[in-house]
């Protein structure tokens, strides 16, 4: 093998060795295992959901309530559901992400509407595939959305049409089943989620 051919094979090998040693060195300087950053990123959403679950059992800052114009409907009958949020202390908010779980095989849902005091949602959808009603609000005002104690917002209203008989639930998704679908109310300034409680709306459908 001549000199040129030898260099042709040695240069890539040396480059790989240098790169590997650099990665190890950086990892050692930071004092973290190579896969720790990835694990931290994967665990972050789970930790937020777990923390929210813990705070909901204590002194919640907000109460989210689902109500309907009736709790019993006939098959084919149309009803209206409201999702309201009541504040217990003065607070300013950066964003509100609402996820409502329902059974798409038992109800047809449409006409999502929102409180006039809220900005237009950056994303809203009735997902029949996942059985979710979604509304994501981002407040652009640097001061956030200021809400006083006992102030109430209608996060969303929607129409539902009963399809089959039985007892069915509408409830706020907390992210237990799907971590990416965790309802969150985020405080202005700190960027931290604040605690809330919520109820389960049970609807009975008859012939």
N, C-alpha and C. Protein backbone atom coordinates (compact mmCIF):
# COMPACT_ATOMS: atom_id res chain seq x y z
N UNK A 1 0.85 -1.19 0.00
CA UNK A 1 0.00 0.00 0.00
C UNK A 1 0.89 1.24 0.00
N UNK A 2 0.67 2.18 -0.95
CA UNK A 2 1.51 3.37 -1.02
C UNK A 2 1.06 4.39 0.02
N UNK A 3 1.80 5.47 0.09
CA UNK A 3 1.58 6.50 1.13
C UNK A 3 0.21 7.15 0.97
N UNK A 4 -0.17 7.44 -0.26
CA UNK A 4 -1.46 8.12 -0.50
C UNK A 4 -2.63 7.26 -0.06
N UNK A 5 -2.56 5.97 -0.39
CA UNK A 5 -3.65 5.07 0.01
C UNK A 5 -3.72 4.91 1.53
N UNK A 6 -2.56 4.88 2.18
CA UNK A 6 -2.52 4.76 3.64
C UNK A 6 -3.20 5.96 4.30
N UNK A 7 -2.88 7.17 3.81
CA UNK A 7 -3.50 8.39 4.34
C UNK A 7 -5.01 8.39 4.12
N UNK A 8 -5.39 7.82 2.99
CA UNK A 8 -6.81 7.77 2.65
C UNK A 8 -7.61 7.02 3.71
N UNK A 9 -7.04 5.97 4.30
CA UNK A 9 -7.73 5.18 5.31
C UNK A 9 -7.51 5.71 6.72
N UNK A 10 -6.35 6.30 6.99
CA UNK A 10 -6.02 6.74 8.34
C UNK A 10 -6.78 8.00 8.75
N UNK A 11 -6.96 8.94 7.83
CA UNK A 11 -7.59 10.23 8.18
C UNK A 11 -9.00 10.03 8.75
N UNK A 12 -9.88 9.25 8.10
CA UNK A 12 -11.21 9.05 8.70
C UNK A 12 -11.16 8.37 10.05
N UNK A 13 -10.26 7.41 10.24
CA UNK A 13 -10.16 6.70 11.52
C UNK A 13 -9.75 7.65 12.63
N UNK A 14 -8.75 8.49 12.37
CA UNK A 14 -8.30 9.46 13.37
C UNK A 14 -9.41 10.43 13.71
N UNK A 15 -10.14 10.87 12.69
CA UNK A 15 -11.24 11.82 12.93
C UNK A 15 -12.30 11.22 13.84
N UNK A 16 -12.64 9.94 13.64
CA UNK A 16 -13.63 9.28 14.48
C UNK A 16 -13.14 9.17 15.92
N UNK A 17 -11.86 8.84 16.09
CA UNK A 17 -11.29 8.71 17.45
C UNK A 17 -11.31 10.05 18.17
N UNK A 18 -10.93 11.12 17.47
CA UNK A 18 -10.93 12.46 18.08
C UNK A 18 -12.33 12.87 18.48
N UNK A 19 -13.29 12.60 17.59
CA UNK A 19 -14.67 12.96 17.89
C UNK A 19 -15.19 12.21 19.11
N UNK A 20 -14.88 10.93 19.19
CA UNK A 20 -15.34 10.13 20.33
C UNK A 20 -14.73 10.63 21.63
N UNK A 21 -13.43 10.95 21.60
CA UNK A 21 -12.77 11.43 22.81
C UNK A 21 -13.33 12.79 23.23
N UNK A 22 -13.69 13.63 22.26
CA UNK A 22 -14.25 14.94 22.57
C UNK A 22 -15.59 14.80 23.27
N UNK A 23 -16.44 13.88 22.78
CA UNK A 23 -17.75 13.67 23.40
C UNK A 23 -17.60 13.20 24.83
N UNK A 24 -16.68 12.25 25.05
CA UNK A 24 -16.44 11.74 26.41
C UNK A 24 -15.93 12.84 27.31
N UNK A 25 -15.02 13.69 26.81
CA UNK A 25 -14.46 14.77 27.61
C UNK A 25 -15.53 15.77 28.00
N UNK A 26 -16.36 16.15 27.05
CA UNK A 26 -17.43 17.11 27.34
C UNK A 26 -18.37 16.55 28.38
N UNK A 27 -18.69 15.26 28.24
CA UNK A 27 -19.58 14.62 29.21
C UNK A 27 -18.97 14.62 30.60
N UNK A 28 -17.67 14.35 30.68
CA UNK A 28 -17.00 14.32 31.98
C UNK A 28 -16.94 15.71 32.61
N UNK A 29 -16.67 16.73 31.78
CA UNK A 29 -16.60 18.10 32.29
C UNK A 29 -17.93 18.54 32.89
N UNK A 30 -19.03 18.11 32.24
CA UNK A 30 -20.34 18.49 32.73
C UNK A 30 -20.77 17.62 33.90
N UNK A 31 -20.07 16.51 34.08
CA UNK A 31 -20.39 15.62 35.19
C UNK A 31 -21.69 14.86 34.99
N UNK A 32 -22.09 14.63 33.70
CA UNK A 32 -23.33 13.93 33.41
C UNK A 32 -23.05 12.74 32.50
N UNK A 33 -23.81 11.67 32.66
CA UNK A 33 -23.72 10.55 31.71
C UNK A 33 -24.14 11.02 30.34
N UNK A 34 -23.71 10.31 29.30
CA UNK A 34 -24.00 10.73 27.94
C UNK A 34 -25.49 10.79 27.64
N UNK A 35 -26.27 9.91 28.24
CA UNK A 35 -27.69 9.86 27.90
C UNK A 35 -28.56 10.62 28.90
N UNK A 36 -27.95 11.34 29.84
CA UNK A 36 -28.74 11.98 30.89
C UNK A 36 -29.59 13.12 30.35
N UNK A 37 -29.02 13.94 29.45
CA UNK A 37 -29.78 15.07 28.91
C UNK A 37 -31.02 14.59 28.19
N UNK A 38 -30.88 13.52 27.43
CA UNK A 38 -32.03 12.96 26.73
C UNK A 38 -33.09 12.48 27.70
N UNK A 39 -32.62 11.80 28.77
CA UNK A 39 -33.57 11.29 29.76
C UNK A 39 -34.28 12.43 30.46
N UNK A 40 -33.56 13.53 30.74
CA UNK A 40 -34.16 14.67 31.41
C UNK A 40 -35.26 15.26 30.55
N UNK A 41 -35.00 15.37 29.25
CA UNK A 41 -36.00 15.91 28.34
C UNK A 41 -37.24 15.03 28.28
N UNK A 42 -37.03 13.71 28.26
CA UNK A 42 -38.15 12.79 28.20
C UNK A 42 -38.96 12.80 29.47
N UNK A 43 -38.29 13.02 30.61
CA UNK A 43 -38.97 12.97 31.90
C UNK A 43 -39.67 14.27 32.26
N UNK A 44 -39.33 15.37 31.60
CA UNK A 44 -39.82 16.68 32.00
C UNK A 44 -41.35 16.75 31.96
N UNK A 45 -41.94 16.28 30.86
CA UNK A 45 -43.40 16.33 30.74
C UNK A 45 -44.04 15.48 31.82
N UNK A 46 -43.49 14.30 32.06
CA UNK A 46 -44.03 13.42 33.09
C UNK A 46 -43.98 14.05 34.47
N UNK A 47 -42.88 14.75 34.76
CA UNK A 47 -42.74 15.40 36.06
C UNK A 47 -43.76 16.51 36.23
N UNK A 48 -44.01 17.29 35.17
CA UNK A 48 -45.00 18.35 35.24
C UNK A 48 -46.37 17.76 35.53
N UNK A 49 -46.73 16.69 34.83
CA UNK A 49 -48.02 16.05 35.04
C UNK A 49 -48.13 15.52 36.47
N UNK A 50 -47.08 14.87 36.97
CA UNK A 50 -47.09 14.35 38.34
C UNK A 50 -47.25 15.48 39.34
N UNK A 51 -46.54 16.59 39.13
CA UNK A 51 -46.64 17.72 40.04
C UNK A 51 -48.03 18.31 40.05
N UNK A 52 -48.65 18.39 38.87
CA UNK A 52 -50.00 18.92 38.80
C UNK A 52 -50.96 18.03 39.57
N UNK A 53 -50.78 16.72 39.45
CA UNK A 53 -51.66 15.81 40.17
C UNK A 53 -51.54 16.01 41.67
N UNK A 54 -50.32 16.26 42.15
CA UNK A 54 -50.11 16.46 43.57
C UNK A 54 -50.78 17.74 44.05
N UNK A 55 -50.64 18.83 43.27
CA UNK A 55 -51.19 20.10 43.73
C UNK A 55 -52.70 20.12 43.66
N UNK A 56 -53.30 19.31 42.78
CA UNK A 56 -54.75 19.32 42.68
C UNK A 56 -55.41 18.79 43.95
N UNK A 57 -54.69 18.01 44.71
CA UNK A 57 -55.25 17.48 45.94
C UNK A 57 -55.13 18.48 47.09
N UNK A 58 -54.44 19.58 46.87
CA UNK A 58 -54.26 20.59 47.91
C UNK A 58 -55.10 21.82 47.64
N UNK A 59 -54.52 22.99 47.89
CA UNK A 59 -55.23 24.26 47.71
C UNK A 59 -55.10 24.71 46.27
N UNK A 60 -56.11 24.42 45.46
CA UNK A 60 -56.05 24.77 44.05
C UNK A 60 -56.27 26.27 43.85
N UNK A 61 -55.67 26.81 42.81
CA UNK A 61 -55.80 28.22 42.47
C UNK A 61 -57.04 28.44 41.60
N UNK A 62 -57.37 27.45 40.77
CA UNK A 62 -58.53 27.56 39.89
C UNK A 62 -59.42 26.33 40.01
N UNK A 63 -60.68 26.55 39.71
CA UNK A 63 -61.64 25.46 39.67
C UNK A 63 -62.24 25.43 38.27
N UNK A 64 -62.10 24.29 37.57
CA UNK A 64 -62.68 24.12 36.24
C UNK A 64 -63.91 23.24 36.38
N UNK A 65 -65.03 23.75 35.89
CA UNK A 65 -66.29 23.04 36.05
C UNK A 65 -66.97 22.81 34.70
N UNK A 66 -67.38 21.57 34.47
CA UNK A 66 -68.14 21.22 33.28
C UNK A 66 -69.60 21.10 33.65
N UNK A 67 -70.47 21.82 32.93
CA UNK A 67 -71.91 21.77 33.19
C UNK A 67 -72.64 21.61 31.85
N UNK A 68 -73.86 21.06 31.92
CA UNK A 68 -74.70 20.90 30.73
C UNK A 68 -76.09 21.45 31.03
N UNK A 69 -76.83 21.73 29.97
CA UNK A 69 -78.18 22.26 30.18
C UNK A 69 -79.15 21.19 30.68
N UNK A 70 -78.67 19.92 30.67
CA UNK A 70 -79.43 18.81 31.26
C UNK A 70 -78.44 17.67 31.50
N UNK A 71 -78.84 16.72 32.33
CA UNK A 71 -77.98 15.55 32.57
C UNK A 71 -78.58 14.28 31.97
N UNK A 72 -79.75 14.42 31.34
CA UNK A 72 -80.39 13.28 30.67
C UNK A 72 -80.90 13.71 29.31
N UNK A 73 -80.55 12.93 28.29
CA UNK A 73 -80.95 13.26 26.92
C UNK A 73 -81.49 12.01 26.24
N UNK A 74 -82.33 12.22 25.23
CA UNK A 74 -82.78 11.13 24.39
C UNK A 74 -81.84 10.99 23.20
N UNK A 75 -81.75 9.78 22.65
CA UNK A 75 -80.93 9.57 21.46
C UNK A 75 -81.37 10.54 20.37
N UNK A 76 -80.41 11.24 19.79
CA UNK A 76 -80.70 12.22 18.75
C UNK A 76 -80.89 13.63 19.27
N UNK A 77 -81.05 13.77 20.59
CA UNK A 77 -81.25 15.09 21.17
C UNK A 77 -79.93 15.85 21.26
N UNK A 78 -79.99 17.17 21.06
CA UNK A 78 -78.79 18.02 21.11
C UNK A 78 -78.78 18.80 22.41
N UNK A 79 -77.61 18.86 23.06
CA UNK A 79 -77.45 19.63 24.29
C UNK A 79 -76.22 20.52 24.21
N UNK A 80 -76.06 21.35 25.22
CA UNK A 80 -74.95 22.29 25.27
C UNK A 80 -74.13 22.08 26.54
N UNK A 81 -72.81 22.06 26.40
CA UNK A 81 -71.90 21.90 27.54
C UNK A 81 -71.03 23.14 27.65
N UNK A 82 -70.83 23.58 28.89
CA UNK A 82 -69.94 24.72 29.16
C UNK A 82 -68.77 24.27 30.02
N UNK A 83 -67.60 24.79 29.73
CA UNK A 83 -66.40 24.54 30.53
C UNK A 83 -65.97 25.89 31.11
N UNK A 84 -66.20 26.07 32.40
CA UNK A 84 -65.92 27.36 33.04
C UNK A 84 -64.76 27.24 34.01
N UNK A 85 -64.02 28.34 34.15
CA UNK A 85 -62.88 28.39 35.08
C UNK A 85 -63.09 29.53 36.07
N UNK A 86 -63.04 29.20 37.34
CA UNK A 86 -63.23 30.18 38.41
C UNK A 86 -61.92 30.36 39.17
N UNK A 87 -61.47 31.61 39.30
CA UNK A 87 -60.25 31.91 40.04
C UNK A 87 -60.52 32.12 41.52
N UNK A 88 -59.59 31.67 42.36
CA UNK A 88 -59.76 31.83 43.81
C UNK A 88 -58.88 32.94 44.38
N UNK A 89 -57.86 33.34 43.62
CA UNK A 89 -57.00 34.46 44.04
C UNK A 89 -56.69 35.30 42.81
N UNK A 90 -56.15 36.50 43.03
CA UNK A 90 -55.73 37.36 41.91
C UNK A 90 -54.52 36.72 41.23
N UNK A 91 -54.58 36.63 39.91
CA UNK A 91 -53.50 35.97 39.19
C UNK A 91 -53.48 36.48 37.75
N UNK A 92 -52.27 36.49 37.17
CA UNK A 92 -52.09 36.86 35.77
C UNK A 92 -51.54 35.65 35.03
N UNK A 93 -52.11 35.38 33.85
CA UNK A 93 -51.78 34.14 33.14
C UNK A 93 -51.10 34.39 31.80
N UNK A 94 -50.21 33.47 31.44
CA UNK A 94 -49.51 33.51 30.16
C UNK A 94 -50.20 32.65 29.11
N UNK A 95 -50.74 31.52 29.53
CA UNK A 95 -51.39 30.62 28.58
C UNK A 95 -52.34 29.67 29.30
N UNK A 96 -53.29 29.16 28.53
CA UNK A 96 -54.25 28.18 29.03
C UNK A 96 -54.40 27.11 27.96
N UNK A 97 -54.16 25.87 28.34
CA UNK A 97 -54.33 24.74 27.42
C UNK A 97 -55.40 23.82 27.99
N UNK A 98 -56.50 23.70 27.26
CA UNK A 98 -57.64 22.93 27.75
C UNK A 98 -57.85 21.69 26.90
N UNK A 99 -57.98 20.54 27.56
CA UNK A 99 -58.26 19.27 26.88
C UNK A 99 -59.44 18.61 27.60
N UNK A 100 -60.53 18.40 26.87
CA UNK A 100 -61.71 17.76 27.45
C UNK A 100 -61.89 16.39 26.80
N UNK A 101 -61.96 15.35 27.63
CA UNK A 101 -62.15 13.98 27.13
C UNK A 101 -63.64 13.68 26.96
N UNK A 102 -63.96 12.96 25.86
CA UNK A 102 -65.33 12.52 25.64
C UNK A 102 -65.29 11.26 24.79
N UNK A 103 -66.44 10.59 24.65
CA UNK A 103 -66.52 9.37 23.85
C UNK A 103 -67.10 9.70 22.48
N UNK A 104 -66.28 9.72 21.44
CA UNK A 104 -66.77 10.09 20.11
C UNK A 104 -67.72 9.08 19.49
N UNK A 105 -67.77 7.87 20.06
CA UNK A 105 -68.71 6.86 19.57
C UNK A 105 -70.11 7.08 20.12
N UNK A 106 -70.21 7.88 21.17
CA UNK A 106 -71.48 8.09 21.84
C UNK A 106 -72.05 9.49 21.63
N UNK A 107 -71.19 10.44 21.23
CA UNK A 107 -71.64 11.81 21.03
C UNK A 107 -71.02 12.40 19.76
N UNK A 108 -71.82 13.19 19.06
CA UNK A 108 -71.30 14.04 18.00
C UNK A 108 -71.15 15.44 18.58
N UNK A 109 -69.95 16.00 18.45
CA UNK A 109 -69.65 17.30 19.07
C UNK A 109 -69.26 18.30 18.00
N UNK A 110 -69.76 19.54 18.13
CA UNK A 110 -69.39 20.59 17.19
C UNK A 110 -69.62 21.97 17.80
N UNK A 111 -69.35 22.99 17.02
CA UNK A 111 -69.55 24.40 17.40
C UNK A 111 -68.81 24.79 18.68
N UNK A 112 -67.51 24.62 18.66
CA UNK A 112 -66.68 25.11 19.77
C UNK A 112 -66.71 26.64 19.79
N UNK A 113 -66.97 27.21 20.96
CA UNK A 113 -66.96 28.66 21.14
C UNK A 113 -66.19 29.00 22.40
N UNK A 114 -65.68 30.26 22.47
CA UNK A 114 -64.80 30.65 23.57
C UNK A 114 -65.18 32.03 24.11
N UNK A 115 -64.75 32.30 25.35
CA UNK A 115 -65.02 33.58 26.01
C UNK A 115 -64.41 34.73 25.21
N UNK A 116 -65.16 35.82 25.09
CA UNK A 116 -64.67 36.99 24.34
C UNK A 116 -63.43 37.62 24.98
N UNK A 117 -63.23 37.38 26.26
CA UNK A 117 -62.05 37.96 26.94
C UNK A 117 -60.77 37.19 26.62
N UNK A 118 -60.91 36.01 26.07
CA UNK A 118 -59.75 35.22 25.68
C UNK A 118 -59.33 35.58 24.26
N UNK A 119 -58.02 35.51 23.97
CA UNK A 119 -57.59 35.71 22.58
C UNK A 119 -58.07 34.53 21.73
N UNK A 120 -58.08 34.70 20.43
CA UNK A 120 -58.43 33.58 19.56
C UNK A 120 -57.44 32.44 19.82
N UNK A 121 -57.91 31.22 19.97
CA UNK A 121 -56.99 30.12 20.26
C UNK A 121 -55.98 29.92 19.14
N UNK A 122 -54.74 29.64 19.51
CA UNK A 122 -53.72 29.35 18.50
C UNK A 122 -53.99 27.99 17.88
N UNK A 123 -54.75 27.16 18.60
CA UNK A 123 -55.14 25.86 18.06
C UNK A 123 -56.41 25.41 18.77
N UNK A 124 -57.37 24.94 17.99
CA UNK A 124 -58.59 24.36 18.56
C UNK A 124 -59.08 23.26 17.63
N UNK A 125 -59.64 22.21 18.22
CA UNK A 125 -60.04 21.07 17.39
C UNK A 125 -60.98 20.14 18.17
N UNK A 126 -61.88 19.51 17.43
CA UNK A 126 -62.64 18.39 17.94
C UNK A 126 -62.01 17.14 17.33
N UNK A 127 -61.28 16.39 18.14
CA UNK A 127 -60.57 15.21 17.65
C UNK A 127 -61.40 13.96 17.92
N UNK A 128 -62.08 13.45 16.88
CA UNK A 128 -62.84 12.22 17.04
C UNK A 128 -61.92 11.00 17.15
N UNK A 129 -60.72 11.13 16.61
CA UNK A 129 -59.76 10.02 16.67
C UNK A 129 -59.30 9.76 18.10
N UNK A 130 -59.03 10.86 18.84
CA UNK A 130 -58.50 10.72 20.20
C UNK A 130 -59.56 10.95 21.27
N UNK A 131 -60.76 11.36 20.87
CA UNK A 131 -61.79 11.63 21.85
C UNK A 131 -61.45 12.83 22.71
N UNK A 132 -61.01 13.92 22.06
CA UNK A 132 -60.59 15.12 22.79
C UNK A 132 -61.14 16.39 22.14
N UNK A 133 -61.50 17.34 22.99
CA UNK A 133 -61.78 18.71 22.56
C UNK A 133 -60.59 19.54 23.01
N UNK A 134 -60.00 20.28 22.10
CA UNK A 134 -58.74 20.98 22.39
C UNK A 134 -58.89 22.47 22.14
N UNK A 135 -58.34 23.27 23.06
CA UNK A 135 -58.25 24.72 22.86
C UNK A 135 -56.99 25.22 23.56
N UNK A 136 -56.07 25.80 22.80
CA UNK A 136 -54.82 26.33 23.33
C UNK A 136 -54.80 27.84 23.16
N UNK A 137 -54.71 28.56 24.29
CA UNK A 137 -54.71 30.02 24.27
C UNK A 137 -53.34 30.54 24.70
N UNK A 138 -52.80 31.48 23.93
CA UNK A 138 -51.54 32.12 24.27
C UNK A 138 -51.78 33.62 24.40
N UNK A 139 -51.48 34.17 25.58
CA UNK A 139 -51.70 35.59 25.84
C UNK A 139 -50.46 36.37 25.44
N UNK A 140 -50.61 37.29 24.49
CA UNK A 140 -49.46 38.03 23.97
C UNK A 140 -49.11 39.25 24.81
N UNK A 141 -50.06 39.77 25.59
CA UNK A 141 -49.79 40.93 26.44
C UNK A 141 -48.72 40.59 27.46
N UNK A 142 -47.65 41.41 27.56
CA UNK A 142 -46.58 41.14 28.54
C UNK A 142 -47.10 41.01 29.98
N UNK A 143 -48.20 41.70 30.28
CA UNK A 143 -48.77 41.62 31.62
C UNK A 143 -49.60 40.36 31.81
N UNK A 144 -49.84 39.65 30.73
CA UNK A 144 -50.65 38.45 30.82
C UNK A 144 -52.14 38.77 30.88
N UNK A 145 -52.94 37.74 31.09
CA UNK A 145 -54.38 37.90 31.26
C UNK A 145 -54.65 37.99 32.76
N UNK A 146 -55.06 39.17 33.21
CA UNK A 146 -55.26 39.40 34.64
C UNK A 146 -56.66 38.98 35.06
N UNK A 147 -56.71 38.07 36.04
CA UNK A 147 -57.98 37.59 36.57
C UNK A 147 -58.02 37.80 38.07
N UNK A 148 -59.12 38.33 38.56
CA UNK A 148 -59.28 38.58 39.98
C UNK A 148 -59.93 37.38 40.66
N UNK A 149 -59.83 37.35 41.98
CA UNK A 149 -60.49 36.29 42.74
C UNK A 149 -61.99 36.31 42.43
N UNK A 150 -62.57 35.14 42.25
CA UNK A 150 -63.98 34.95 41.93
C UNK A 150 -64.35 35.38 40.51
N UNK A 151 -63.33 35.72 39.72
CA UNK A 151 -63.57 36.04 38.31
C UNK A 151 -63.74 34.73 37.54
N UNK A 152 -64.67 34.71 36.61
CA UNK A 152 -64.97 33.47 35.90
C UNK A 152 -64.81 33.64 34.40
N UNK A 153 -64.19 32.64 33.77
CA UNK A 153 -64.02 32.59 32.32
C UNK A 153 -64.73 31.35 31.77
N UNK A 154 -65.37 31.52 30.63
CA UNK A 154 -65.91 30.35 29.93
C UNK A 154 -64.85 29.91 28.93
N UNK A 155 -64.10 28.87 29.29
CA UNK A 155 -63.00 28.40 28.45
C UNK A 155 -63.51 27.89 27.11
N UNK A 156 -64.64 27.18 27.13
CA UNK A 156 -65.24 26.73 25.88
C UNK A 156 -66.69 26.31 26.11
N UNK A 157 -67.48 26.41 25.06
CA UNK A 157 -68.81 25.80 25.03
C UNK A 157 -68.88 24.97 23.75
N UNK A 158 -69.71 23.95 23.76
CA UNK A 158 -69.88 23.15 22.55
C UNK A 158 -71.23 22.44 22.58
N UNK A 159 -71.70 22.07 21.40
CA UNK A 159 -72.93 21.31 21.28
C UNK A 159 -72.60 19.83 21.18
N UNK A 160 -73.46 19.02 21.78
CA UNK A 160 -73.28 17.57 21.69
C UNK A 160 -74.60 16.94 21.28
N UNK A 161 -74.52 15.90 20.47
CA UNK A 161 -75.71 15.15 20.04
C UNK A 161 -75.54 13.71 20.49
N UNK A 162 -76.49 13.23 21.30
CA UNK A 162 -76.42 11.87 21.83
C UNK A 162 -76.67 10.86 20.71
N UNK A 163 -75.84 9.81 20.66
CA UNK A 163 -75.93 8.82 19.59
C UNK A 163 -76.43 7.47 20.10
N UNK A 164 -75.96 7.05 21.29
CA UNK A 164 -76.33 5.75 21.84
C UNK A 164 -76.76 5.88 23.29
N UNK A 165 -77.54 4.92 23.76
CA UNK A 165 -78.00 4.95 25.15
C UNK A 165 -76.87 4.52 26.09
N UNK A 166 -76.96 5.02 27.32
CA UNK A 166 -75.98 4.67 28.34
C UNK A 166 -75.58 5.87 29.16
N UNK A 167 -74.65 5.67 30.09
CA UNK A 167 -74.11 6.75 30.91
C UNK A 167 -72.69 7.05 30.46
N UNK A 168 -72.40 8.31 30.15
CA UNK A 168 -71.09 8.68 29.61
C UNK A 168 -70.56 9.94 30.28
N UNK A 169 -69.24 10.06 30.27
CA UNK A 169 -68.58 11.16 30.99
C UNK A 169 -67.89 12.14 30.05
N UNK A 170 -67.94 13.40 30.45
CA UNK A 170 -67.08 14.44 29.90
C UNK A 170 -66.19 14.87 31.06
N UNK A 171 -64.88 14.95 30.84
CA UNK A 171 -63.99 15.37 31.92
C UNK A 171 -62.72 16.00 31.39
N UNK A 172 -62.06 16.75 32.26
CA UNK A 172 -60.81 17.43 31.91
C UNK A 172 -59.68 16.40 31.85
N UNK A 173 -58.91 16.44 30.76
CA UNK A 173 -57.76 15.55 30.64
C UNK A 173 -56.59 16.11 31.44
N UNK A 174 -56.05 15.27 32.32
CA UNK A 174 -54.92 15.69 33.16
C UNK A 174 -53.58 15.18 32.64
N UNK A 175 -53.62 14.40 31.54
CA UNK A 175 -52.38 13.91 30.97
C UNK A 175 -51.97 12.54 31.46
N UNK A 176 -52.78 11.90 32.27
CA UNK A 176 -52.42 10.56 32.76
C UNK A 176 -52.36 9.55 31.63
N UNK A 177 -53.37 9.59 30.76
CA UNK A 177 -53.40 8.66 29.64
C UNK A 177 -52.48 9.12 28.52
N UNK A 178 -52.50 10.43 28.24
CA UNK A 178 -51.69 11.01 27.17
C UNK A 178 -51.00 12.26 27.72
N UNK A 179 -49.71 12.14 28.01
CA UNK A 179 -48.99 13.24 28.66
C UNK A 179 -48.99 14.52 27.83
N UNK A 180 -49.05 14.37 26.50
CA UNK A 180 -49.04 15.56 25.66
C UNK A 180 -50.39 16.27 25.67
N UNK A 181 -51.40 15.67 26.34
CA UNK A 181 -52.74 16.26 26.40
C UNK A 181 -53.11 16.64 27.82
N UNK A 182 -52.18 17.23 28.53
CA UNK A 182 -52.42 17.65 29.92
C UNK A 182 -52.94 19.08 29.94
N UNK A 183 -54.08 19.29 30.56
CA UNK A 183 -54.62 20.64 30.73
C UNK A 183 -53.68 21.42 31.65
N UNK A 184 -53.32 22.65 31.22
CA UNK A 184 -52.40 23.47 32.01
C UNK A 184 -52.82 24.93 32.00
N UNK A 185 -52.68 25.56 33.15
CA UNK A 185 -52.89 27.00 33.30
C UNK A 185 -51.55 27.56 33.74
N UNK A 186 -50.93 28.38 32.91
CA UNK A 186 -49.55 28.82 33.15
C UNK A 186 -49.53 30.28 33.62
N UNK A 187 -48.82 30.50 34.72
CA UNK A 187 -48.72 31.81 35.35
C UNK A 187 -47.83 32.76 34.56
N UNK A 188 -48.22 34.02 34.51
CA UNK A 188 -47.40 35.04 33.86
C UNK A 188 -46.14 35.30 34.68
N UNK A 189 -45.03 35.52 33.99
CA UNK A 189 -43.78 35.84 34.68
C UNK A 189 -42.97 34.61 34.99
N UNK A 190 -43.50 33.74 35.85
CA UNK A 190 -42.74 32.55 36.26
C UNK A 190 -42.78 31.46 35.20
N UNK A 191 -43.84 31.44 34.39
CA UNK A 191 -43.98 30.39 33.39
C UNK A 191 -44.31 29.03 33.99
N UNK A 192 -44.73 29.02 35.25
CA UNK A 192 -45.03 27.75 35.92
C UNK A 192 -46.53 27.44 35.88
N UNK A 193 -46.88 26.15 35.76
CA UNK A 193 -48.30 25.79 35.82
C UNK A 193 -48.84 25.96 37.23
N UNK A 194 -50.07 26.44 37.32
CA UNK A 194 -50.71 26.61 38.63
C UNK A 194 -51.74 25.50 38.82
N UNK A 195 -52.08 25.24 40.08
CA UNK A 195 -52.94 24.11 40.41
C UNK A 195 -54.42 24.42 40.13
N UNK A 196 -55.18 23.36 39.88
CA UNK A 196 -56.62 23.51 39.66
C UNK A 196 -57.31 22.20 40.03
N UNK A 197 -58.61 22.32 40.25
CA UNK A 197 -59.44 21.14 40.46
C UNK A 197 -60.48 21.10 39.33
N UNK A 198 -61.06 19.94 39.10
CA UNK A 198 -62.06 19.83 38.05
C UNK A 198 -63.05 18.72 38.39
N UNK A 199 -64.21 18.76 37.75
CA UNK A 199 -65.25 17.77 38.01
C UNK A 199 -65.43 16.86 36.81
N UNK A 200 -66.26 15.86 36.98
CA UNK A 200 -66.63 14.94 35.89
C UNK A 200 -68.12 15.12 35.62
N UNK A 201 -68.45 15.41 34.37
CA UNK A 201 -69.85 15.58 33.99
C UNK A 201 -70.38 14.26 33.42
N UNK A 202 -71.33 13.64 34.10
CA UNK A 202 -71.92 12.39 33.64
C UNK A 202 -73.28 12.67 33.00
N UNK A 203 -73.43 12.18 31.77
CA UNK A 203 -74.65 12.38 31.01
C UNK A 203 -75.32 11.04 30.74
N UNK A 204 -76.62 10.97 31.00
CA UNK A 204 -77.39 9.76 30.75
C UNK A 204 -78.17 9.91 29.45
N UNK A 205 -78.05 8.90 28.58
CA UNK A 205 -78.76 8.93 27.31
C UNK A 205 -79.79 7.79 27.29
N UNK A 206 -81.04 8.15 26.98
CA UNK A 206 -82.12 7.17 26.97
C UNK A 206 -82.76 7.13 25.58
N UNK A 207 -83.60 6.11 25.34
CA UNK A 207 -84.30 5.99 24.04
C UNK A 207 -85.33 7.12 23.89
